[in-house]
C-alpha atoms as a PDB file:
ATOM      1  CA  UNK A   1     117.842 101.648 104.461  1.00  0.00           C
ATOM      2  CA  UNK A   2     114.778  99.776 103.242  1.00  0.00           C
ATOM      3  CA  UNK A   3     114.250  99.893  99.495  1.00  0.00           C
ATOM      4  CA  UNK A   4     110.736 100.590  98.147  1.00  0.00           C
ATOM      5  CA  UNK A   5     109.199  97.320  96.840  1.00  0.00           C
ATOM      6  CA  UNK A   6     105.811  97.670  95.125  1.00  0.00           C
ATOM      7  CA  UNK A   7     105.504  93.862  94.963  1.00  0.00           C
ATOM      8  CA  UNK A   8     105.953  93.576  98.759  1.00  0.00           C
ATOM      9  CA  UNK A   9     103.082  96.041  99.205  1.00  0.00           C
ATOM     10  CA  UNK A  10     100.769  93.990  97.037  1.00  0.00           C
ATOM     11  CA  UNK A  11     101.736  90.664  98.600  1.00  0.00           C
ATOM     12  CA  UNK A  12     101.150  92.016 102.145  1.00  0.00           C
ATOM     13  CA  UNK A  13      97.792  93.590 101.292  1.00  0.00           C
ATOM     14  CA  UNK A  14      96.640  90.405  99.503  1.00  0.00           C
ATOM     15  CA  UNK A  15      97.736  88.176 102.392  1.00  0.00           C
ATOM     16  CA  UNK A  16      96.016  90.279 105.064  1.00  0.00           C
ATOM     17  CA  UNK A  17      92.894  90.652 102.949  1.00  0.00           C
ATOM     18  CA  UNK A  18      92.638  86.855 102.527  1.00  0.00           C
ATOM     19  CA  UNK A  19      93.371  86.269 106.249  1.00  0.00           C
ATOM     20  CA  UNK A  20      90.381  88.510 106.951  1.00  0.00           C
ATOM     21  CA  UNK A  21      88.252  86.518 104.504  1.00  0.00           C
ATOM     22  CA  UNK A  22      87.589  89.522 102.301  1.00  0.00           C
ATOM     23  CA  UNK A  23      87.203  89.412  98.514  1.00  0.00           C
ATOM     24  CA  UNK A  24      88.777  92.163  96.426  1.00  0.00           C
ATOM     25  CA  UNK A  25      85.275  93.419  95.746  1.00  0.00           C
ATOM     26  CA  UNK A  26      84.416  93.832  99.468  1.00  0.00           C
ATOM     27  CA  UNK A  27      87.872  95.113 100.520  1.00  0.00           C
ATOM     28  CA  UNK A  28      87.926  97.694  97.714  1.00  0.00           C
ATOM     29  CA  UNK A  29      84.404  98.788  98.596  1.00  0.00           C
ATOM     30  CA  UNK A  30      85.356  99.294 102.234  1.00  0.00           C
ATOM     31  CA  UNK A  31      88.477 101.162 101.199  1.00  0.00           C
ATOM     32  CA  UNK A  32      86.541 103.366  98.730  1.00  0.00           C
ATOM     33  CA  UNK A  33      88.587 102.379  95.723  1.00  0.00           C
ATOM     34  CA  UNK A  34      87.803 100.476  92.516  1.00  0.00           C
ATOM     35  CA  UNK A  35      88.262  96.701  92.636  1.00  0.00           C
ATOM     36  CA  UNK A  36      90.475  96.930  89.601  1.00  0.00           C
ATOM     37  CA  UNK A  37      92.689  99.461  91.426  1.00  0.00           C
ATOM     38  CA  UNK A  38      93.082  97.079  94.350  1.00  0.00           C
ATOM     39  CA  UNK A  39      93.831  94.245  91.951  1.00  0.00           C
ATOM     40  CA  UNK A  40      96.577  96.299  90.284  1.00  0.00           C
ATOM     41  CA  UNK A  41      98.050  97.229  93.683  1.00  0.00           C
ATOM     42  CA  UNK A  42      98.113  93.574  94.703  1.00  0.00           C
ATOM     43  CA  UNK A  43      99.945  92.613  91.523  1.00  0.00           C
ATOM     44  CA  UNK A  44     102.409  95.493  91.731  1.00  0.00           C
ATOM     45  CA  UNK A  45     101.050  97.104  88.540  1.00  0.00           C
ATOM     46  CA  UNK A  46     100.047 100.264  90.457  1.00  0.00           C
ATOM     47  CA  UNK A  47     101.809 102.042  93.341  1.00  0.00           C
ATOM     48  CA  UNK A  48      99.402 103.204  96.009  1.00  0.00           C
ATOM     49  CA  UNK A  49      99.870 106.615  97.580  1.00  0.00           C
ATOM     50  CA  UNK A  50      99.718 106.973 101.349  1.00  0.00           C
ATOM     51  CA  UNK A  51      96.051 108.010 101.340  1.00  0.00           C
ATOM     52  CA  UNK A  52      95.192 104.775  99.547  1.00  0.00           C
ATOM     53  CA  UNK A  53      97.367 102.719 101.980  1.00  0.00           C
ATOM     54  CA  UNK A  54      95.472 104.464 104.809  1.00  0.00           C
ATOM     55  CA  UNK A  55      92.045 103.555 103.364  1.00  0.00           C
ATOM     56  CA  UNK A  56      93.122  99.961 102.691  1.00  0.00           C
ATOM     57  CA  UNK A  57      94.436  99.622 106.261  1.00  0.00           C
ATOM     58  CA  UNK A  58      91.088 100.872 107.583  1.00  0.00           C
ATOM     59  CA  UNK A  59      89.257  98.418 105.355  1.00  0.00           C
ATOM     60  CA  UNK A  60      91.440  95.612 106.774  1.00  0.00           C
ATOM     61  CA  UNK A  61      90.758  96.887 110.292  1.00  0.00           C
ATOM     62  CA  UNK A  62      94.365  97.469 111.150  1.00  0.00           C
ATOM     63  CA  UNK A  63      96.154 100.759 111.974  1.00  0.00           C
ATOM     64  CA  UNK A  64      97.897 102.246 108.957  1.00  0.00           C
ATOM     65  CA  UNK A  65     101.253 102.203 110.725  1.00  0.00           C
ATOM     66  CA  UNK A  66     100.864  98.444 111.269  1.00  0.00           C
ATOM     67  CA  UNK A  67     100.243  97.865 107.593  1.00  0.00           C
ATOM     68  CA  UNK A  68     103.324  99.887 106.797  1.00  0.00           C
ATOM     69  CA  UNK A  69     105.399  97.829 109.281  1.00  0.00           C
ATOM     70  CA  UNK A  70     104.202  94.600 107.653  1.00  0.00           C
ATOM     71  CA  UNK A  71     105.227  96.024 104.236  1.00  0.00           C
ATOM     72  CA  UNK A  72     108.663  97.033 105.604  1.00  0.00           C
ATOM     73  CA  UNK A  73     109.194  93.537 106.988  1.00  0.00           C
ATOM     74  CA  UNK A  74     108.233  91.940 103.659  1.00  0.00           C
ATOM     75  CA  UNK A  75     110.494  94.333 101.735  1.00  0.00           C
ATOM     76  CA  UNK A  76     113.383  93.490 104.078  1.00  0.00           C
ATOM     77  CA  UNK A  77     112.848  89.765 103.618  1.00  0.00           C
ATOM     78  CA  UNK A  78     112.682  90.155  99.876  1.00  0.00           C
ATOM     79  CA  UNK A  79     115.904  92.231  99.809  1.00  0.00           C
ATOM     80  CA  UNK A  80     117.612  89.672 102.044  1.00  0.00           C
ATOM     81  CA  UNK A  81     116.602  86.729  99.830  1.00  0.00           C
ATOM     82  CA  UNK A  82     117.687  88.717  96.692  1.00  0.00           C
ATOM     83  CA  UNK A  83     121.109  89.176  98.242  1.00  0.00           C
ATOM     84  CA  UNK A  84     121.500  85.461  98.707  1.00  0.00           C
ATOM     85  CA  UNK A  85     120.866  84.729  95.018  1.00  0.00           C
END
């Protein structure tokens, strides 16, 4: 079972956003959310609901299920590295 990890969500979104060359301002505008909201998601201060994940995925031009898969992979890696410590 994969544990929910709000920090993995933020890291993945930030990484993909930067890979696409988007600022928080542009990405949040495309997603229809406030820049401050996106910033809080990226730092793990806010937990996005699925509708927000969907809008962010569309802004990043990837299918929502792909974004969720990336988040799952990041959460698994984090859990695995936490186990080693």
